[in-house]
Amino acid sequence: MWNPKLDLSFCRKYYGNLVNVEISYDSTRYSYIGNLLNISDRNVDGHYTITIKIPTSTGTNVIVSNLISEIKVDITKFTHQKLKYASEEISKVTNNDMIFEIEQFLKKDYITL
C-alpha cells in the first residue's frame, strides 16, 4: 500500500510530470507510465486515489493506493538543467571528463513519492 513519503502538498508539486506507478495485484507486478494528474485526499477507508494519463491510451487511469507499491517521478530534465548551470564552475576546477561521468550517472533521475 502506498502512502506519501512526505505530505500531499509535496507530491502535488509534480502534477503534470511523468510518473512510473508500480502496482502489485494477485502476486503480479504491473507498471504504468503516464502524467500525474491528481492525488486525492485520504478517503474514509484511509486510501488515496491517484489519477494518471497514459499517453498511448485514451482517457485517464484512476488507481487506489492500496494497489500501489511505489510511485516514482521522472525529474531527469530538471536535474540536467541544474547540471548545465553548474557545469561551467565544475569545469573550471576539473576536466570535462568529470562532467561526462556526472552526466552518465544522472542519465535517468527519479524520486519516490
C-alpha atoms as a PDB file:
ATOM      1  CA  MET A   1       0.000   0.000   0.000  1.00  0.00           C
ATOM      2  CA  TRP A   2       1.317   3.418  -0.971  1.00  0.00           C
ATOM      3  CA  ASN A   3       1.472   6.302   1.468  1.00  0.00           C
ATOM      4  CA  PRO A   4       3.151   9.614   0.665  1.00  0.00           C
ATOM      5  CA  LYS A   5       6.718   9.821   1.998  1.00  0.00           C
ATOM      6  CA  LEU A   6       6.117  13.479   2.784  1.00  0.00           C
ATOM      7  CA  ASP A   7       2.897  15.458   2.823  1.00  0.00           C
ATOM      8  CA  LEU A   8       0.482  15.662  -0.095  1.00  0.00           C
ATOM      9  CA  SER A   9       1.443  19.242  -0.945  1.00  0.00           C
ATOM     10  CA  PHE A  10       4.955  17.974  -1.791  1.00  0.00           C
ATOM     11  CA  CYS A  11       3.531  15.222  -4.008  1.00  0.00           C
ATOM     12  CA  ARG A  12       1.133  17.624  -5.725  1.00  0.00           C
ATOM     13  CA  LYS A  13       4.075  19.765  -6.904  1.00  0.00           C
ATOM     14  CA  TYR A  14       4.682  17.050  -9.503  1.00  0.00           C
ATOM     15  CA  TYR A  15       1.294  17.284 -11.246  1.00  0.00           C
ATOM     16  CA  GLY A  16       1.878  17.009 -14.987  1.00  0.00           C
ATOM     17  CA  ASN A  17       5.217  15.241 -14.578  1.00  0.00           C
ATOM     18  CA  LEU A  18       5.925  11.801 -15.950  1.00  0.00           C
ATOM     19  CA  VAL A  19       5.486   9.117 -13.272  1.00  0.00           C
ATOM     20  CA  ASN A  20       6.030   5.380 -13.048  1.00  0.00           C
ATOM     21  CA  VAL A  21       3.336   3.749 -10.903  1.00  0.00           C
ATOM     22  CA  GLU A  22       4.166   0.230  -9.691  1.00  0.00           C
ATOM     23  CA  ILE A  23       1.119  -1.888  -8.832  1.00  0.00           C
ATOM     24  CA  SER A  24       1.003  -5.229  -7.027  1.00  0.00           C
ATOM     25  CA  TYR A  25      -2.140  -7.263  -7.606  1.00  0.00           C
ATOM     26  CA  ASP A  26      -2.621 -11.039  -7.186  1.00  0.00           C
ATOM     27  CA  SER A  27       1.146 -11.599  -6.742  1.00  0.00           C
ATOM     28  CA  THR A  28       1.805  -9.854 -10.075  1.00  0.00           C
ATOM     29  CA  ARG A  29       3.564  -6.524 -10.539  1.00  0.00           C
ATOM     30  CA  TYR A  30       2.395  -4.044 -13.168  1.00  0.00           C
ATOM     31  CA  SER A  31       3.988  -0.790 -14.197  1.00  0.00           C
ATOM     32  CA  TYR A  32       2.113   2.174 -15.646  1.00  0.00           C
ATOM     33  CA  ILE A  33       3.922   5.219 -17.032  1.00  0.00           C
ATOM     34  CA  GLY A  34       1.969   8.423 -17.517  1.00  0.00           C
ATOM     35  CA  ASN A  35       1.496  12.011 -16.435  1.00  0.00           C
ATOM     36  CA  LEU A  36       0.384  12.586 -12.856  1.00  0.00           C
ATOM     37  CA  LEU A  37      -2.928  14.448 -12.887  1.00  0.00           C
ATOM     38  CA  ASN A  38      -4.266  14.202  -9.340  1.00  0.00           C
ATOM     39  CA  ILE A  39      -3.772  12.751  -5.875  1.00  0.00           C
ATOM     40  CA  SER A  40      -6.924  12.834  -3.780  1.00  0.00           C
ATOM     41  CA  ASP A  41      -7.092  13.415  -0.064  1.00  0.00           C
ATOM     42  CA  ARG A  42      -7.387  10.309   2.107  1.00  0.00           C
ATOM     43  CA  ASN A  43     -10.862   8.760   1.867  1.00  0.00           C
ATOM     44  CA  VAL A  44     -12.892   7.174   4.688  1.00  0.00           C
ATOM     45  CA  ASP A  45     -11.041   3.868   4.202  1.00  0.00           C
ATOM     46  CA  GLY A  46      -7.684   5.616   4.571  1.00  0.00           C
ATOM     47  CA  HIS A  47      -6.711   5.282   0.895  1.00  0.00           C
ATOM     48  CA  TYR A  48      -5.695   7.816  -1.726  1.00  0.00           C
ATOM     49  CA  THR A  49      -6.803   7.877  -5.352  1.00  0.00           C
ATOM     50  CA  ILE A  50      -4.103   8.584  -7.935  1.00  0.00           C
ATOM     51  CA  THR A  51      -5.095   9.750 -11.440  1.00  0.00           C
ATOM     52  CA  ILE A  52      -2.642   9.446 -14.322  1.00  0.00           C
ATOM     53  CA  LYS A  53      -2.889   9.975 -18.072  1.00  0.00           C
ATOM     54  CA  ILE A  54      -1.078   7.335 -20.104  1.00  0.00           C
ATOM     55  CA  PRO A  55      -0.014   8.972 -23.397  1.00  0.00           C
ATOM     56  CA  THR A  56      -0.712   5.877 -25.515  1.00  0.00           C
ATOM     57  CA  SER A  57      -4.296   5.420 -24.291  1.00  0.00           C
ATOM     58  CA  THR A  58      -7.453   7.499 -24.276  1.00  0.00           C
ATOM     59  CA  GLY A  59      -8.999   8.746 -21.054  1.00  0.00           C
ATOM     60  CA  THR A  60      -7.364   8.631 -17.651  1.00  0.00           C
ATOM     61  CA  ASN A  61      -6.446   5.860 -15.241  1.00  0.00           C
ATOM     62  CA  VAL A  62      -7.533   6.069 -11.608  1.00  0.00           C
ATOM     63  CA  ILE A  63      -5.685   3.811  -9.172  1.00  0.00           C
ATOM     64  CA  VAL A  64      -6.375   3.317  -5.475  1.00  0.00           C
ATOM     65  CA  SER A  65      -3.325   3.495  -3.200  1.00  0.00           C
ATOM     66  CA  ASN A  66      -3.882   0.064  -1.634  1.00  0.00           C
ATOM     67  CA  LEU A  67      -2.847  -1.453  -5.001  1.00  0.00           C
ATOM     68  CA  ILE A  68       0.189   0.803  -5.458  1.00  0.00           C
ATOM     69  CA  SER A  69       3.570  -0.300  -4.186  1.00  0.00           C
ATOM     70  CA  GLU A  70       5.585   2.688  -5.431  1.00  0.00           C
ATOM     71  CA  ILE A  71       5.311   5.955  -7.370  1.00  0.00           C
ATOM     72  CA  LYS A  72       8.442   7.377  -8.997  1.00  0.00           C
ATOM     73  CA  VAL A  73       8.615  10.819 -10.616  1.00  0.00           C
ATOM     74  CA  ASP A  74      10.993  11.384 -13.528  1.00  0.00           C
ATOM     75  CA  ILE A  75      12.981  14.541 -12.695  1.00  0.00           C
ATOM     76  CA  THR A  76      15.700  13.941 -15.304  1.00  0.00           C
ATOM     77  CA  LYS A  77      15.014  17.146 -17.247  1.00  0.00           C
ATOM     78  CA  PHE A  78      15.208  19.277 -14.090  1.00  0.00           C
ATOM     79  CA  THR A  79      18.443  17.582 -12.975  1.00  0.00           C
ATOM     80  CA  HIS A  80      20.051  18.066 -16.385  1.00  0.00           C
ATOM     81  CA  GLN A  81      19.161  21.773 -16.314  1.00  0.00           C
ATOM     82  CA  LYS A  82      20.814  22.105 -12.903  1.00  0.00           C
ATOM     83  CA  LEU A  83      23.910  20.256 -14.121  1.00  0.00           C
ATOM     84  CA  LYS A  84      24.137  22.521 -17.168  1.00  0.00           C
ATOM     85  CA  TYR A  85      24.021  25.516 -14.841  1.00  0.00           C
ATOM     86  CA  ALA A  86      26.777  24.082 -12.603  1.00  0.00           C
ATOM     87  CA  SER A  87      28.973  22.581 -15.337  1.00  0.00           C
ATOM     88  CA  GLU A  88      30.867  25.827 -16.002  1.00  0.00           C
ATOM     89  CA  GLU A  89      32.019  26.010 -12.401  1.00  0.00           C
ATOM     90  CA  ILE A  90      32.829  22.307 -12.299  1.00  0.00           C
ATOM     91  CA  SER A  91      34.908  22.505 -15.479  1.00  0.00           C
ATOM     92  CA  LYS A  92      36.965  25.386 -14.015  1.00  0.00           C
ATOM     93  CA  VAL A  93      38.340  23.146 -11.265  1.00  0.00           C
ATOM     94  CA  THR A  94      38.218  19.748 -13.026  1.00  0.00           C
ATOM     95  CA  ASN A  95      38.344  18.494 -16.578  1.00  0.00           C
ATOM     96  CA  ASN A  96      35.416  17.743 -18.892  1.00  0.00           C
ATOM     97  CA  ASP A  97      35.696  14.025 -18.146  1.00  0.00           C
ATOM     98  CA  MET A  98      34.218  14.733 -14.717  1.00  0.00           C
ATOM     99  CA  ILE A  99      31.150  16.394 -16.263  1.00  0.00           C
ATOM    100  CA  PHE A 100      30.764  13.452 -18.639  1.00  0.00           C
ATOM    101  CA  GLU A 101      30.851  10.998 -15.706  1.00  0.00           C
ATOM    102  CA  ILE A 102      28.222  13.013 -13.836  1.00  0.00           C
ATOM    103  CA  GLU A 103      26.020  13.097 -16.951  1.00  0.00           C
ATOM    104  CA  GLN A 104      26.292   9.317 -17.279  1.00  0.00           C
ATOM    105  CA  PHE A 105      25.380   8.856 -13.629  1.00  0.00           C
ATOM    106  CA  LEU A 106      22.372  11.173 -13.995  1.00  0.00           C
ATOM    107  CA  LYS A 107      21.121   9.719 -17.279  1.00  0.00           C
ATOM    108  CA  LYS A 108      17.798   8.954 -15.590  1.00  0.00           C
ATOM    109  CA  ASP A 109      16.854  10.576 -12.280  1.00  0.00           C
ATOM    110  CA  TYR A 110      13.800   9.599 -10.255  1.00  0.00           C
ATOM    111  CA  ILE A 111      12.425  10.477  -6.849  1.00  0.00           C
ATOM    112  CA  THR A 112       9.978   8.312  -4.951  1.00  0.00           C
ATOM    113  CA  LEU A 113       6.804   9.908  -3.659  1.00  0.00           C
END
